Amino acid sequence: MLPTAHLELDYEAVIGSAQKLRHIFAREDSWPADDMTREEDLVDLMRHEKEFELRLAFAFTVLSPIRDRCLGCVYVNPATKAAYAAEVLLWAVSHGMSDESARSLDSALEHSVREWIGSAWSFTSAVAFPGRDQSWDEWDTLQWRGEAVPRIAEDAQTIVMYDARACGLAL
């Protein structure tokens, strides 16, 4: 899970990888803002925690082996596109390492997550990896799901019916 207890580790990873993250959930995204505060990150984590608790969506922290650094995150969300059962979005940190090391970490994380999704989750139809399996241009041409799904609002408590028109959660 991506719990509020990981706030400091998550905040450091998010702020350090902000430029990269603006292309993980969409072709161009404004999240995270350059001036994002710990309090704003805490609200995001509270929302992820609540969605996990209610089994609406699942966000996971990827920690270093000694659990002292956030290496990235994995999100298993309801599909926004009609042809899929779910969407998996993931990112690995890129700050504080060479480009080659960052690419290697990202590749290893993606490989592990694909194996885990295939073996531990029982989806009845295809799982999408937007921005990875197809370009964002290709992704944008696919048909939207057409029905709202329950998600948690920005207050981290209220369930809203979300008719997605973007990956992730752009409420």
Protein backbone atom coordinates (compact mmCIF):
# COMPACT_ATOMS: atom_id res chain seq x y z
CA MET A 1 0.00 0.00 0.00
CA LEU A 2 1.00 3.66 -0.40
CA PRO A 3 0.23 4.71 3.19
CA THR A 4 0.40 8.08 4.91
CA ALA A 5 3.20 6.61 7.03
CA HIS A 6 5.42 6.90 3.94
CA LEU A 7 4.82 10.65 3.59
CA GLU A 8 8.43 11.78 4.01
CA LEU A 9 9.81 9.10 1.70
CA ASP A 10 7.08 9.68 -0.89
CA TYR A 11 7.41 13.46 -0.81
CA GLU A 12 11.17 13.28 -1.38
CA ALA A 13 10.69 10.87 -4.31
CA VAL A 14 7.83 12.86 -5.87
CA ILE A 15 9.56 16.22 -5.66
CA GLY A 16 12.86 14.74 -6.85
CA SER A 17 11.20 13.11 -9.86
CA ALA A 18 8.61 15.82 -10.59
CA GLN A 19 9.61 16.40 -14.22
CA LYS A 20 9.41 12.69 -14.99
CA LEU A 21 6.08 12.30 -13.19
CA ARG A 22 4.41 14.91 -15.39
CA HIS A 23 4.54 12.34 -18.21
CA ILE A 24 3.58 9.19 -16.31
CA PHE A 25 -0.19 9.68 -15.93
CA ALA A 26 -0.75 11.52 -19.22
CA ARG A 27 1.19 12.98 -22.11
CA GLU A 28 1.41 16.27 -20.18
CA ASP A 29 0.25 16.60 -16.59
CA SER A 30 0.53 19.39 -14.05
CA TRP A 31 1.08 16.97 -11.16
CA PRO A 32 3.12 17.39 -9.12
CA ALA A 33 3.26 21.15 -9.00
CA ASP A 34 6.71 22.64 -8.45
CA ASP A 35 5.46 24.12 -5.19
CA MET A 36 3.60 21.02 -3.95
CA THR A 37 3.64 20.94 -0.16
CA ARG A 38 3.93 17.99 2.20
CA GLU A 39 0.35 18.72 3.25
CA GLU A 40 -0.85 18.33 -0.36
CA ASP A 41 1.10 15.09 -0.68
CA LEU A 42 -0.43 13.90 2.60
CA VAL A 43 -3.93 14.46 1.21
CA ASP A 44 -2.99 12.46 -1.90
CA LEU A 45 -1.72 9.62 0.29
CA MET A 46 -4.87 9.76 2.42
CA ARG A 47 -6.95 9.41 -0.75
CA HIS A 48 -4.87 6.45 -1.93
CA GLU A 49 -5.16 4.82 1.49
CA LYS A 50 -8.95 5.22 1.54
CA GLU A 51 -9.32 3.86 -1.99
CA PHE A 52 -7.19 0.87 -1.06
CA GLU A 53 -9.23 0.27 2.10
CA LEU A 54 -12.47 0.38 0.08
CA ARG A 55 -10.93 -1.67 -2.78
CA LEU A 56 -11.67 1.04 -5.33
CA ALA A 57 -8.07 1.42 -6.55
CA PHE A 58 -4.70 0.24 -5.34
CA ALA A 59 -1.54 2.29 -4.90
CA PHE A 60 1.73 0.80 -3.67
CA THR A 61 5.01 2.30 -2.51
CA VAL A 62 8.15 0.67 -3.86
CA LEU A 63 10.74 0.85 -1.10
CA SER A 64 14.44 0.12 -1.04
CA PRO A 65 15.41 -3.23 0.55
CA ILE A 66 16.15 -1.52 3.87
CA ARG A 67 12.95 0.57 3.58
CA ASP A 68 14.74 3.90 3.89
CA ARG A 69 13.96 5.29 0.43
CA CYS A 70 10.94 5.37 -1.86
CA LEU A 71 12.05 4.02 -5.24
CA GLY A 72 8.72 4.62 -6.96
CA CYS A 73 5.05 3.77 -6.93
CA VAL A 74 2.62 1.43 -8.65
CA TYR A 75 -1.06 2.18 -9.23
CA VAL A 76 -3.69 -0.39 -10.22
CA ASN A 77 -6.75 1.62 -11.18
CA PRO A 78 -10.15 0.98 -12.72
CA ALA A 79 -9.89 1.18 -16.49
CA THR A 80 -10.66 4.47 -18.21
CA LYS A 81 -10.75 2.79 -21.63
CA ALA A 82 -13.45 0.36 -22.75
CA ALA A 83 -11.16 -2.49 -23.86
CA TYR A 84 -9.48 -2.98 -20.48
CA ALA A 85 -10.24 -4.33 -17.02
CA ALA A 86 -7.66 -2.13 -15.30
CA GLU A 87 -4.83 0.30 -15.87
CA VAL A 88 -1.45 -0.01 -14.28
CA LEU A 89 0.69 3.09 -13.96
CA LEU A 90 4.12 3.00 -12.40
CA TRP A 91 7.18 5.11 -11.93
CA ALA A 92 10.65 4.77 -10.53
CA VAL A 93 12.70 7.61 -9.12
CA SER A 94 15.17 9.29 -11.42
CA HIS A 95 16.87 11.80 -9.14
CA GLY A 96 20.23 11.14 -7.56
CA MET A 97 21.29 8.54 -10.13
CA SER A 98 22.67 8.35 -13.64
CA ASP A 99 20.31 8.18 -16.61
CA GLU A 100 21.39 4.57 -17.18
CA SER A 101 20.68 3.61 -13.56
CA ALA A 102 17.28 5.34 -13.69
CA ARG A 103 16.35 3.48 -16.90
CA SER A 104 17.53 0.20 -15.39
CA LEU A 105 15.46 0.72 -12.22
CA ASP A 106 12.39 1.66 -14.26
CA SER A 107 12.80 -1.39 -16.51
CA ALA A 108 13.26 -3.75 -13.56
CA LEU A 109 10.20 -2.31 -11.81
CA GLU A 110 8.06 -2.61 -14.94
CA HIS A 111 9.17 -6.22 -15.48
CA SER A 112 8.42 -7.16 -11.86
CA VAL A 113 5.04 -5.44 -11.89
CA ARG A 114 3.99 -7.13 -15.15
CA GLU A 115 4.88 -10.53 -13.68
CA TRP A 116 3.06 -9.73 -10.44
CA ILE A 117 -0.08 -8.48 -12.23
CA GLY A 118 -0.11 -11.61 -14.38
CA SER A 119 0.34 -14.04 -11.50
CA ALA A 120 -1.32 -12.44 -8.46
CA TRP A 121 -4.29 -10.58 -9.95
CA SER A 122 -7.20 -12.27 -11.69
CA PHE A 123 -8.46 -9.79 -14.27
CA THR A 124 -11.09 -11.03 -16.70
CA SER A 125 -9.81 -8.96 -19.62
CA ALA A 126 -6.67 -7.14 -20.66
CA VAL A 127 -4.73 -4.85 -18.36
CA ALA A 128 -3.36 -1.64 -19.87
CA PHE A 129 -0.04 -0.01 -19.15
CA PRO A 130 -0.80 3.46 -20.61
CA GLY A 131 2.18 5.31 -22.00
CA ARG A 132 4.16 2.06 -22.02
CA ASP A 133 2.30 -0.45 -24.20
CA GLN A 134 1.15 2.28 -26.52
CA SER A 135 2.15 5.88 -27.02
CA TRP A 136 0.00 8.57 -25.43
CA ASP A 137 -1.14 9.49 -28.97
CA GLU A 138 -2.39 5.92 -29.50
CA TRP A 139 -3.88 5.79 -26.01
CA ASP A 140 -5.83 8.99 -26.61
CA THR A 141 -7.57 7.44 -29.65
CA LEU A 142 -9.02 4.51 -27.68
CA GLN A 143 -12.69 4.57 -26.68
CA TRP A 144 -13.47 5.79 -23.15
CA ARG A 145 -15.08 3.38 -20.71
CA GLY A 146 -18.39 5.27 -20.81
CA GLU A 147 -19.43 4.58 -17.23
CA ALA A 148 -18.49 6.16 -13.96
CA VAL A 149 -16.55 4.26 -11.31
CA PRO A 150 -16.38 5.01 -7.58
CA ARG A 151 -13.25 6.87 -6.44
CA ILE A 152 -12.33 9.02 -3.45
CA ALA A 153 -12.59 12.80 -3.80
CA GLU A 154 -9.89 15.32 -2.93
CA ASP A 155 -11.15 15.50 0.66
CA ALA A 156 -9.85 11.90 1.05
CA GLN A 157 -13.21 10.75 2.46
CA THR A 158 -16.09 11.28 0.03
CA ILE A 159 -16.88 8.63 -2.56
CA VAL A 160 -17.63 10.19 -5.95
CA MET A 161 -18.68 8.58 -9.19
CA TYR A 162 -15.82 9.40 -11.54
CA ASP A 163 -16.37 9.35 -15.28
CA ALA A 164 -12.73 9.29 -16.27
CA ARG A 165 -11.35 11.24 -19.17
CA ALA A 166 -7.75 10.86 -18.06
CA CYS A 167 -5.51 8.23 -16.51
CA GLY A 168 -4.93 8.38 -12.79
CA LEU A 169 -7.34 10.56 -10.87
CA ALA A 170 -7.93 14.05 -12.17
CA LEU A 171 -10.93 15.12 -10.09
